Amino acid sequence: MVTLLIEHAISDYDTWRTAFDRFATTRRDAGVRAERIARPVDDPAYVVVTLDFDTADRAEGFRQFLTTRIWADPASSPALAGSPRATVLTIQSEVAAAGSCG
C-alpha cells in the first residue's frame, strides 16, 4: 500500500471540508482506497490528510493533479492557507494494537 500524506494550514475548517467533500468522486476515480483527515489538538487551523492507493504511480498522479489543478486554483481550494506539503509514502509495516476496537 502507498499513502499520499498531505499537510497544510487552513483559514476555516468548514469551508475547507466542503471543498474537500466536493472531490469525493474524483478521489475514488483516482484510486483512493481509504482516506483520513486529522487536525492537531493544539492547532485547529491545520489539517493532515492521508489518502491510500494501491500503487505509487496512482498516488503520484493524484499529487500532480492536486498541485496543478486544485491548489493552483483558489476557487478549487478555498480556505487553503500557504503551500501544502504532499509526500508519497510506501507503507513498510502496519500493525493493529492487540485488543483494539474498531
PDB file of N, CA and C in Angstrom:
ATOM      1  N   MET A   1       0.843  -1.175   0.000  1.00  0.00           N
ATOM      2  CA  MET A   1       0.000   0.000   0.000  1.00  0.00           C
ATOM      3  C   MET A   1       0.887   1.236   0.000  1.00  0.00           C
ATOM      4  N   VAL A   2       0.376   2.290  -0.615  1.00  0.00           N
ATOM      5  CA  VAL A   2       1.068   3.568  -0.719  1.00  0.00           C
ATOM      6  C   VAL A   2       0.134   4.638  -0.174  1.00  0.00           C
ATOM      7  N   THR A   3       0.702   5.575   0.575  1.00  0.00           N
ATOM      8  CA  THR A   3      -0.093   6.661   1.153  1.00  0.00           C
ATOM      9  C   THR A   3       0.409   8.004   0.649  1.00  0.00           C
ATOM     10  N   LEU A   4      -0.519   8.852   0.269  1.00  0.00           N
ATOM     11  CA  LEU A   4      -0.209  10.243  -0.034  1.00  0.00           C
ATOM     12  C   LEU A   4      -0.517  11.025   1.230  1.00  0.00           C
ATOM     13  N   LEU A   5       0.528  11.579   1.843  1.00  0.00           N
ATOM     14  CA  LEU A   5       0.398  12.363   3.072  1.00  0.00           C
ATOM     15  C   LEU A   5       0.367  13.826   2.679  1.00  0.00           C
ATOM     16  N   ILE A   6      -0.703  14.520   3.082  1.00  0.00           N
ATOM     17  CA  ILE A   6      -0.888  15.930   2.745  1.00  0.00           C
ATOM     18  C   ILE A   6      -1.024  16.713   4.041  1.00  0.00           C
ATOM     19  N   GLU A   7      -0.275  17.809   4.149  1.00  0.00           N
ATOM     20  CA  GLU A   7      -0.353  18.666   5.325  1.00  0.00           C
ATOM     21  C   GLU A   7      -0.422  20.117   4.869  1.00  0.00           C
ATOM     22  N   HIS A   8      -1.317  20.885   5.500  1.00  0.00           N
ATOM     23  CA  HIS A   8      -1.325  22.317   5.199  1.00  0.00           C
ATOM     24  C   HIS A   8      -2.183  23.093   6.187  1.00  0.00           C
ATOM     25  N   ALA A   9      -1.887  24.382   6.246  1.00  0.00           N
ATOM     26  CA  ALA A   9      -2.659  25.302   7.073  1.00  0.00           C
ATOM     27  C   ALA A   9      -3.955  25.646   6.344  1.00  0.00           C
ATOM     28  N   ILE A  10      -4.977  25.954   7.130  1.00  0.00           N
ATOM     29  CA  ILE A  10      -6.269  26.363   6.581  1.00  0.00           C
ATOM     30  C   ILE A  10      -6.759  27.597   7.323  1.00  0.00           C
ATOM     31  N   SER A  11      -7.638  28.346   6.676  1.00  0.00           N
ATOM     32  CA  SER A  11      -8.201  29.527   7.331  1.00  0.00           C
ATOM     33  C   SER A  11      -9.552  29.232   7.983  1.00  0.00           C
ATOM     34  N   ASP A  12     -10.252  28.194   7.495  1.00  0.00           N
ATOM     35  CA  ASP A  12     -11.563  27.846   8.060  1.00  0.00           C
ATOM     36  C   ASP A  12     -11.852  26.385   7.738  1.00  0.00           C
ATOM     37  N   TYR A  13     -12.020  25.576   8.781  1.00  0.00           N
ATOM     38  CA  TYR A  13     -12.199  24.141   8.561  1.00  0.00           C
ATOM     39  C   TYR A  13     -13.476  23.824   7.796  1.00  0.00           C
ATOM     40  N   ASP A  14     -14.594  24.428   8.137  1.00  0.00           N
ATOM     41  CA  ASP A  14     -15.857  24.096   7.470  1.00  0.00           C
ATOM     42  C   ASP A  14     -15.799  24.399   5.975  1.00  0.00           C
ATOM     43  N   THR A  15     -15.206  25.526   5.618  1.00  0.00           N
ATOM     44  CA  THR A  15     -15.056  25.873   4.203  1.00  0.00           C
ATOM     45  C   THR A  15     -14.139  24.877   3.507  1.00  0.00           C
ATOM     46  N   TRP A  16     -13.017  24.558   4.163  1.00  0.00           N
ATOM     47  CA  TRP A  16     -12.078  23.590   3.599  1.00  0.00           C
ATOM     48  C   TRP A  16     -12.759  22.237   3.418  1.00  0.00           C
ATOM     49  N   ARG A  17     -13.498  21.789   4.417  1.00  0.00           N
ATOM     50  CA  ARG A  17     -14.130  20.463   4.367  1.00  0.00           C
ATOM     51  C   ARG A  17     -15.174  20.385   3.264  1.00  0.00           C
ATOM     52  N   THR A  18     -15.928  21.450   3.068  1.00  0.00           N
ATOM     53  CA  THR A  18     -16.911  21.472   1.984  1.00  0.00           C
ATOM     54  C   THR A  18     -16.220  21.289   0.636  1.00  0.00           C
ATOM     55  N   ALA A  19     -15.097  21.987   0.441  1.00  0.00           N
ATOM     56  CA  ALA A  19     -14.348  21.847  -0.815  1.00  0.00           C
ATOM     57  C   ALA A  19     -13.770  20.439  -0.941  1.00  0.00           C
ATOM     58  N   PHE A  20     -13.224  19.896   0.138  1.00  0.00           N
ATOM     59  CA  PHE A  20     -12.669  18.539   0.130  1.00  0.00           C
ATOM     60  C   PHE A  20     -13.753  17.538  -0.264  1.00  0.00           C
ATOM     61  N   ASP A  21     -14.921  17.659   0.323  1.00  0.00           N
ATOM     62  CA  ASP A  21     -16.013  16.725   0.046  1.00  0.00           C
ATOM     63  C   ASP A  21     -16.484  16.792  -1.407  1.00  0.00           C
ATOM     64  N   ARG A  22     -16.365  17.962  -2.043  1.00  0.00           N
ATOM     65  CA  ARG A  22     -16.773  18.096  -3.449  1.00  0.00           C
ATOM     66  C   ARG A  22     -15.971  17.180  -4.364  1.00  0.00           C
ATOM     67  N   PHE A  23     -14.780  16.789  -3.948  1.00  0.00           N
ATOM     68  CA  PHE A  23     -13.903  15.977  -4.788  1.00  0.00           C
ATOM     69  C   PHE A  23     -13.912  14.496  -4.397  1.00  0.00           C
ATOM     70  N   ALA A  24     -14.932  14.052  -3.686  1.00  0.00           N
ATOM     71  CA  ALA A  24     -15.002  12.645  -3.260  1.00  0.00           C
ATOM     72  C   ALA A  24     -14.993  11.693  -4.451  1.00  0.00           C
ATOM     73  N   THR A  25     -15.776  11.975  -5.466  1.00  0.00           N
ATOM     74  CA  THR A  25     -15.823  11.121  -6.651  1.00  0.00           C
ATOM     75  C   THR A  25     -14.493  11.150  -7.390  1.00  0.00           C
ATOM     76  N   THR A  26     -13.881  12.310  -7.459  1.00  0.00           N
ATOM     77  CA  THR A  26     -12.576  12.442  -8.111  1.00  0.00           C
ATOM     78  C   THR A  26     -11.536  11.589  -7.402  1.00  0.00           C
ATOM     79  N   ARG A  27     -11.552  11.610  -6.063  1.00  0.00           N
ATOM     80  CA  ARG A  27     -10.610  10.786  -5.313  1.00  0.00           C
ATOM     81  C   ARG A  27     -10.847   9.299  -5.582  1.00  0.00           C
ATOM     82  N   ARG A  28     -12.094   8.895  -5.548  1.00  0.00           N
ATOM     83  CA  ARG A  28     -12.418   7.489  -5.798  1.00  0.00           C
ATOM     84  C   ARG A  28     -11.965   7.075  -7.196  1.00  0.00           C
ATOM     85  N   ASP A  29     -12.264   7.909  -8.199  1.00  0.00           N
ATOM     86  CA  ASP A  29     -11.885   7.600  -9.574  1.00  0.00           C
ATOM     87  C   ASP A  29     -10.363   7.577  -9.769  1.00  0.00           C
ATOM     88  N   ALA A  30      -9.637   8.297  -8.921  1.00  0.00           N
ATOM     89  CA  ALA A  30      -8.174   8.333  -8.994  1.00  0.00           C
ATOM     90  C   ALA A  30      -7.537   7.137  -8.290  1.00  0.00           C
ATOM     91  N   GLY A  31      -8.360   6.325  -7.627  1.00  0.00           N
ATOM     92  CA  GLY A  31      -7.842   5.123  -6.998  1.00  0.00           C
ATOM     93  C   GLY A  31      -7.644   5.198  -5.499  1.00  0.00           C
ATOM     94  N   VAL A  32      -8.196   6.230  -4.853  1.00  0.00           N
ATOM     95  CA  VAL A  32      -8.077   6.319  -3.398  1.00  0.00           C
ATOM     96  C   VAL A  32      -8.869   5.171  -2.773  1.00  0.00           C
ATOM     97  N   ARG A  33      -8.194   4.375  -1.940  1.00  0.00           N
ATOM     98  CA  ARG A  33      -8.810   3.213  -1.282  1.00  0.00           C
ATOM     99  C   ARG A  33      -9.330   3.558   0.106  1.00  0.00           C
ATOM    100  N   ALA A  34      -8.688   4.508   0.776  1.00  0.00           N
ATOM    101  CA  ALA A  34      -9.100   4.939   2.114  1.00  0.00           C
ATOM    102  C   ALA A  34      -8.557   6.345   2.325  1.00  0.00           C
ATOM    103  N   GLU A  35      -9.239   7.092   3.163  1.00  0.00           N
ATOM    104  CA  GLU A  35      -8.784   8.451   3.471  1.00  0.00           C
ATOM    105  C   GLU A  35      -9.011   8.743   4.948  1.00  0.00           C
ATOM    106  N   ARG A  36      -8.138   9.564   5.489  1.00  0.00           N
ATOM    107  CA  ARG A  36      -8.250  10.008   6.876  1.00  0.00           C
ATOM    108  C   ARG A  36      -7.954  11.498   6.935  1.00  0.00           C
ATOM    109  N   ILE A  37      -8.691  12.207   7.756  1.00  0.00           N
ATOM    110  CA  ILE A  37      -8.453  13.625   7.998  1.00  0.00           C
ATOM    111  C   ILE A  37      -8.183  13.782   9.487  1.00  0.00           C
ATOM    112  N   ALA A  38      -7.124  14.487   9.800  1.00  0.00           N
ATOM    113  CA  ALA A  38      -6.778  14.733  11.203  1.00  0.00           C
ATOM    114  C   ALA A  38      -6.404  16.201  11.370  1.00  0.00           C
ATOM    115  N   ARG A  39      -6.562  16.672  12.600  1.00  0.00           N
ATOM    116  CA  ARG A  39      -6.149  18.031  12.949  1.00  0.00           C
ATOM    117  C   ARG A  39      -5.398  17.974  14.268  1.00  0.00           C
ATOM    118  N   PRO A  40      -4.289  18.683  14.372  1.00  0.00           N
ATOM    119  CA  PRO A  40      -3.571  18.706  15.634  1.00  0.00           C
ATOM    120  C   PRO A  40      -4.458  19.246  16.753  1.00  0.00           C
ATOM    121  N   VAL A  41      -4.366  18.654  17.922  1.00  0.00           N
ATOM    122  CA  VAL A  41      -5.203  19.101  19.041  1.00  0.00           C
ATOM    123  C   VAL A  41      -4.884  20.539  19.442  1.00  0.00           C
ATOM    124  N   ASP A  42      -3.678  20.992  19.148  1.00  0.00           N
ATOM    125  CA  ASP A  42      -3.297  22.342  19.547  1.00  0.00           C
ATOM    126  C   ASP A  42      -3.260  23.334  18.383  1.00  0.00           C
ATOM    127  N   ASP A  43      -3.765  22.932  17.203  1.00  0.00           N
ATOM    128  CA  ASP A  43      -3.766  23.827  16.041  1.00  0.00           C
ATOM    129  C   ASP A  43      -4.951  23.525  15.137  1.00  0.00           C
ATOM    130  N   PRO A  44      -6.118  24.102  15.422  1.00  0.00           N
ATOM    131  CA  PRO A  44      -7.302  23.825  14.606  1.00  0.00           C
ATOM    132  C   PRO A  44      -7.217  24.411  13.191  1.00  0.00           C
ATOM    133  N   ALA A  45      -6.192  25.204  12.925  1.00  0.00           N
ATOM    134  CA  ALA A  45      -6.029  25.807  11.601  1.00  0.00           C
ATOM    135  C   ALA A  45      -5.030  25.021  10.757  1.00  0.00           C
ATOM    136  N   TYR A  46      -4.958  23.719  10.979  1.00  0.00           N
ATOM    137  CA  TYR A  46      -4.035  22.859  10.243  1.00  0.00           C
ATOM    138  C   TYR A  46      -4.710  21.513  10.022  1.00  0.00           C
ATOM    139  N   VAL A  47      -4.522  20.932   8.837  1.00  0.00           N
ATOM    140  CA  VAL A  47      -5.070  19.601   8.559  1.00  0.00           C
ATOM    141  C   VAL A  47      -3.984  18.680   8.047  1.00  0.00           C
ATOM    142  N   VAL A  48      -4.167  17.409   8.357  1.00  0.00           N
ATOM    143  CA  VAL A  48      -3.312  16.344   7.853  1.00  0.00           C
ATOM    144  C   VAL A  48      -4.248  15.330   7.209  1.00  0.00           C
ATOM    145  N   VAL A  49      -4.009  15.044   5.954  1.00  0.00           N
ATOM    146  CA  VAL A  49      -4.861  14.124   5.202  1.00  0.00           C
ATOM    147  C   VAL A  49      -3.990  12.981   4.701  1.00  0.00           C
ATOM    148  N   THR A  50      -4.477  11.761   4.865  1.00  0.00           N
ATOM    149  CA  THR A  50      -3.801  10.616   4.263  1.00  0.00           C
ATOM    150  C   THR A  50      -4.761   9.943   3.290  1.00  0.00           C
ATOM    151  N   LEU A  51      -4.250   9.675   2.120  1.00  0.00           N
ATOM    152  CA  LEU A  51      -5.008   9.007   1.070  1.00  0.00           C
ATOM    153  C   LEU A  51      -4.246   7.747   0.679  1.00  0.00           C
ATOM    154  N   ASP A  52      -4.884   6.600   0.774  1.00  0.00           N
ATOM    155  CA  ASP A  52      -4.236   5.327   0.470  1.00  0.00           C
ATOM    156  C   ASP A  52      -4.540   4.900  -0.965  1.00  0.00           C
ATOM    157  N   PHE A  53      -3.492   4.415  -1.633  1.00  0.00           N
ATOM    158  CA  PHE A  53      -3.569   3.945  -3.015  1.00  0.00           C
ATOM    159  C   PHE A  53      -2.943   2.557  -3.108  1.00  0.00           C
ATOM    160  N   ASP A  54      -3.233   1.849  -4.193  1.00  0.00           N
ATOM    161  CA  ASP A  54      -2.610   0.548  -4.435  1.00  0.00           C
ATOM    162  C   ASP A  54      -1.186   0.684  -4.957  1.00  0.00           C
ATOM    163  N   THR A  55      -0.914   1.769  -5.705  1.00  0.00           N
ATOM    164  CA  THR A  55       0.409   1.915  -6.317  1.00  0.00           C
ATOM    165  C   THR A  55       0.953   3.333  -6.132  1.00  0.00           C
ATOM    166  N   ALA A  56       2.275   3.429  -6.202  1.00  0.00           N
ATOM    167  CA  ALA A  56       2.930   4.739  -6.121  1.00  0.00           C
ATOM    168  C   ALA A  56       2.579   5.595  -7.332  1.00  0.00           C
ATOM    169  N   ASP A  57       2.414   4.975  -8.493  1.00  0.00           N
ATOM    170  CA  ASP A  57       2.055   5.738  -9.697  1.00  0.00           C
ATOM    171  C   ASP A  57       0.711   6.441  -9.530  1.00  0.00           C
ATOM    172  N   ARG A  58      -0.252   5.750  -8.938  1.00  0.00           N
ATOM    173  CA  ARG A  58      -1.570   6.372  -8.729  1.00  0.00           C
ATOM    174  C   ARG A  58      -1.477   7.510  -7.720  1.00  0.00           C
ATOM    175  N   ALA A  59      -0.716   7.294  -6.654  1.00  0.00           N
ATOM    176  CA  ALA A  59      -0.538   8.337  -5.643  1.00  0.00           C
ATOM    177  C   ALA A  59       0.175   9.548  -6.240  1.00  0.00           C
ATOM    178  N   GLU A  60       1.215   9.303  -7.003  1.00  0.00           N
ATOM    179  CA  GLU A  60       1.957  10.400  -7.635  1.00  0.00           C
ATOM    180  C   GLU A  60       1.087  11.138  -8.639  1.00  0.00           C
ATOM    181  N   GLY A  61       0.292  10.419  -9.398  1.00  0.00           N
ATOM    182  CA  GLY A  61      -0.622  11.062 -10.336  1.00  0.00           C
ATOM    183  C   GLY A  61      -1.619  11.964  -9.636  1.00  0.00           C
ATOM    184  N   PHE A  62      -2.122  11.511  -8.493  1.00  0.00           N
ATOM    185  CA  PHE A  62      -3.080  12.346  -7.767  1.00  0.00           C
ATOM    186  C   PHE A  62      -2.383  13.547  -7.145  1.00  0.00           C
ATOM    187  N   ARG A  63      -1.151  13.363  -6.684  1.00  0.00           N
ATOM    188  CA  ARG A  63      -0.402  14.511  -6.150  1.00  0.00           C
ATOM    189  C   ARG A  63      -0.211  15.561  -7.241  1.00  0.00           C
ATOM    190  N   GLN A  64       0.105  15.130  -8.458  1.00  0.00           N
ATOM    191  CA  GLN A  64       0.260  16.078  -9.564  1.00  0.00           C
ATOM    192  C   GLN A  64      -1.061  16.783  -9.883  1.00  0.00           C
ATOM    193  N   PHE A  65      -2.149  16.045  -9.843  1.00  0.00           N
ATOM    194  CA  PHE A  65      -3.477  16.636 -10.054  1.00  0.00           C
ATOM    195  C   PHE A  65      -3.747  17.721  -9.010  1.00  0.00           C
ATOM    196  N   LEU A  66      -3.463  17.420  -7.742  1.00  0.00           N
ATOM    197  CA  LEU A  66      -3.682  18.410  -6.689  1.00  0.00           C
ATOM    198  C   LEU A  66      -2.830  19.651  -6.920  1.00  0.00           C
ATOM    199  N   THR A  67      -1.575  19.436  -7.248  1.00  0.00           N
ATOM    200  CA  THR A  67      -0.637  20.550  -7.426  1.00  0.00           C
ATOM    201  C   THR A  67      -1.008  21.442  -8.606  1.00  0.00           C
ATOM    202  N   THR A  68      -1.343  20.842  -9.728  1.00  0.00           N
ATOM    203  CA  THR A  68      -1.560  21.621 -10.946  1.00  0.00           C
ATOM    204  C   THR A  68      -2.992  22.089 -11.145  1.00  0.00           C
ATOM    205  N   ARG A  69      -3.956  21.360 -10.608  1.00  0.00           N
ATOM    206  CA  ARG A  69      -5.356  21.698 -10.882  1.00  0.00           C
ATOM    207  C   ARG A  69      -6.107  22.237  -9.677  1.00  0.00           C
ATOM    208  N   ILE A  70      -5.858  21.702  -8.497  1.00  0.00           N
ATOM    209  CA  ILE A  70      -6.636  22.100  -7.323  1.00  0.00           C
ATOM    210  C   ILE A  70      -5.962  23.224  -6.555  1.00  0.00           C
ATOM    211  N   TRP A  71      -4.752  22.996  -6.111  1.00  0.00           N
ATOM    212  CA  TRP A  71      -4.079  24.006  -5.286  1.00  0.00           C
ATOM    213  C   TRP A  71      -3.679  25.232  -6.081  1.00  0.00           C
ATOM    214  N   ALA A  72      -3.561  25.115  -7.377  1.00  0.00           N
ATOM    215  CA  ALA A  72      -3.210  26.259  -8.222  1.00  0.00           C
ATOM    216  C   ALA A  72      -4.410  27.167  -8.483  1.00  0.00           C
ATOM    217  N   ASP A  73      -5.602  26.710  -8.146  1.00  0.00           N
ATOM    218  CA  ASP A  73      -6.839  27.457  -8.412  1.00  0.00           C
ATOM    219  C   ASP A  73      -7.527  27.790  -7.092  1.00  0.00           C
ATOM    220  N   PRO A  74      -7.466  29.054  -6.664  1.00  0.00           N
ATOM    221  CA  PRO A  74      -8.093  29.428  -5.381  1.00  0.00           C
ATOM    222  C   PRO A  74      -9.574  29.072  -5.291  1.00  0.00           C
ATOM    223  N   ALA A  75     -10.276  29.055  -6.410  1.00  0.00           N
ATOM    224  CA  ALA A  75     -11.701  28.698  -6.377  1.00  0.00           C
ATOM    225  C   ALA A  75     -11.886  27.219  -6.032  1.00  0.00           C
ATOM    226  N   SER A  76     -10.906  26.379  -6.374  1.00  0.00           N
ATOM    227  CA  SER A  76     -10.994  24.954  -6.074  1.00  0.00           C
ATOM    228  C   SER A  76     -10.451  24.613  -4.694  1.00  0.00           C
ATOM    229  N   SER A  77      -9.734  25.548  -4.103  1.00  0.00           N
ATOM    230  CA  SER A  77      -9.118  25.273  -2.804  1.00  0.00           C
ATOM    231  C   SER A  77      -9.340  26.411  -1.820  1.00  0.00           C
ATOM    232  N   PRO A  78     -10.616  26.755  -1.569  1.00  0.00           N
ATOM    233  CA  PRO A  78     -10.886  27.818  -0.609  1.00  0.00           C
ATOM    234  C   PRO A  78     -10.435  27.401   0.785  1.00  0.00           C
ATOM    235  N   ALA A  79     -10.023  28.350   1.550  1.00  0.00           N
ATOM    236  CA  ALA A  79      -9.568  28.161   2.929  1.00  0.00           C
ATOM    237  C   ALA A  79      -8.168  27.584   3.011  1.00  0.00           C
ATOM    238  N   LEU A  80      -7.523  27.339   1.873  1.00  0.00           N
ATOM    239  CA  LEU A  80      -6.142  26.890   1.885  1.00  0.00           C
ATOM    240  C   LEU A  80      -5.264  28.074   2.261  1.00  0.00           C
ATOM    241  N   ALA A  81      -4.416  27.886   3.252  1.00  0.00           N
ATOM    242  CA  ALA A  81      -3.521  28.952   3.704  1.00  0.00           C
ATOM    243  C   ALA A  81      -2.083  28.468   3.519  1.00  0.00           C
ATOM    244  N   GLY A  82      -1.329  29.158   2.717  1.00  0.00           N
ATOM    245  CA  GLY A  82       0.041  28.756   2.489  1.00  0.00           C
ATOM    246  C   GLY A  82       0.157  27.651   1.461  1.00  0.00           C
ATOM    247  N   SER A  83       1.314  27.025   1.435  1.00  0.00           N
ATOM    248  CA  SER A  83       1.599  25.972   0.456  1.00  0.00           C
ATOM    249  C   SER A  83       1.470  24.595   1.095  1.00  0.00           C
ATOM    250  N   PRO A  84       0.667  23.730   0.508  1.00  0.00           N
ATOM    251  CA  PRO A  84       0.542  22.369   1.023  1.00  0.00           C
ATOM    252  C   PRO A  84       1.840  21.581   0.836  1.00  0.00           C
ATOM    253  N   ARG A  85       2.023  20.631   1.692  1.00  0.00           N
ATOM    254  CA  ARG A  85       3.124  19.687   1.563  1.00  0.00           C
ATOM    255  C   ARG A  85       2.498  18.324   1.287  1.00  0.00           C
ATOM    256  N   ALA A  86       2.942  17.668   0.215  1.00  0.00           N
ATOM    257  CA  ALA A  86       2.394  16.358  -0.148  1.00  0.00           C
ATOM    258  C   ALA A  86       3.550  15.403  -0.417  1.00  0.00           C
ATOM    259  N   THR A  87       3.516  14.262   0.257  1.00  0.00           N
ATOM    260  CA  THR A  87       4.581  13.276   0.172  1.00  0.00           C
ATOM    261  C   THR A  87       3.976  11.909  -0.102  1.00  0.00           C
ATOM    262  N   VAL A  88       4.546  11.195  -1.059  1.00  0.00           N
ATOM    263  CA  VAL A  88       4.124   9.827  -1.337  1.00  0.00           C
ATOM    264  C   VAL A  88       4.980   8.891  -0.481  1.00  0.00           C
ATOM    265  N   LEU A  89       4.308   8.072   0.323  1.00  0.00           N
ATOM    266  CA  LEU A  89       4.978   7.167   1.252  1.00  0.00           C
ATOM    267  C   LEU A  89       4.642   5.723   0.908  1.00  0.00           C
ATOM    268  N   THR A  90       5.629   4.859   0.992  1.00  0.00           N
ATOM    269  CA  THR A  90       5.396   3.431   0.877  1.00  0.00           C
ATOM    270  C   THR A  90       5.292   2.880   2.299  1.00  0.00           C
ATOM    271  N   ILE A  91       4.189   2.242   2.595  1.00  0.00           N
ATOM    272  CA  ILE A  91       3.984   1.674   3.932  1.00  0.00           C
ATOM    273  C   ILE A  91       4.887   0.463   4.081  1.00  0.00           C
ATOM    274  N   GLN A  92       5.729   0.487   5.094  1.00  0.00           N
ATOM    275  CA  GLN A  92       6.671  -0.596   5.343  1.00  0.00           C
ATOM    276  C   GLN A  92       6.114  -1.619   6.326  1.00  0.00           C
ATOM    277  N   SER A  93       5.270  -1.147   7.245  1.00  0.00           N
ATOM    278  CA  SER A  93       4.725  -2.035   8.252  1.00  0.00           C
ATOM    279  C   SER A  93       3.470  -1.393   8.822  1.00  0.00           C
ATOM    280  N   GLU A  94       2.488  -2.227   9.129  1.00  0.00           N
ATOM    281  CA  GLU A  94       1.257  -1.734   9.750  1.00  0.00           C
ATOM    282  C   GLU A  94       0.773  -2.817  10.691  1.00  0.00           C
ATOM    283  N   VAL A  95       0.628  -2.472  11.961  1.00  0.00           N
ATOM    284  CA  VAL A  95       0.223  -3.428  12.978  1.00  0.00           C
ATOM    285  C   VAL A  95      -0.910  -2.820  13.798  1.00  0.00           C
ATOM    286  N   ALA A  96      -1.999  -3.549  13.963  1.00  0.00           N
ATOM    287  CA  ALA A  96      -3.091  -3.102  14.813  1.00  0.00           C
ATOM    288  C   ALA A  96      -2.739  -3.484  16.253  1.00  0.00           C
ATOM    289  N   ALA A  97      -3.055  -2.596  17.168  1.00  0.00           N
ATOM    290  CA  ALA A  97      -2.780  -2.874  18.583  1.00  0.00           C
ATOM    291  C   ALA A  97      -3.651  -4.032  19.050  1.00  0.00           C
ATOM    292  N   ALA A  98      -3.080  -4.893  19.861  1.00  0.00           N
ATOM    293  CA  ALA A  98      -3.826  -6.024  20.408  1.00  0.00           C
ATOM    294  C   ALA A  98      -4.969  -5.527  21.263  1.00  0.00           C
ATOM    295  N   GLY A  99      -6.140  -6.101  21.051  1.00  0.00           N
ATOM    296  CA  GLY A  99      -7.297  -5.728  21.851  1.00  0.00           C
ATOM    297  C   GLY A  99      -7.949  -4.418  21.448  1.00  0.00           C
ATOM    298  N   SER A 100      -7.538  -3.837  20.323  1.00  0.00           N
ATOM    299  CA  SER A 100      -8.128  -2.567  19.910  1.00  0.00           C
ATOM    300  C   SER A 100      -9.525  -2.807  19.345  1.00  0.00           C
ATOM    301  N   CYS A 101     -10.357  -1.806  19.481  1.00  0.00           N
ATOM    302  CA  CYS A 101     -11.726  -1.873  18.972  1.00  0.00           C
ATOM    303  C   CYS A 101     -11.819  -0.988  17.762  1.00  0.00           C
ATOM    304  N   GLY A 102     -12.637  -1.380  16.794  1.00  0.00           N
ATOM    305  CA  GLY A 102     -12.810  -0.616  15.566  1.00  0.00           C
ATOM    306  C   GLY A 102     -13.735   0.455  15.763  1.00  0.00           C
TER     307      GLY A 102
END
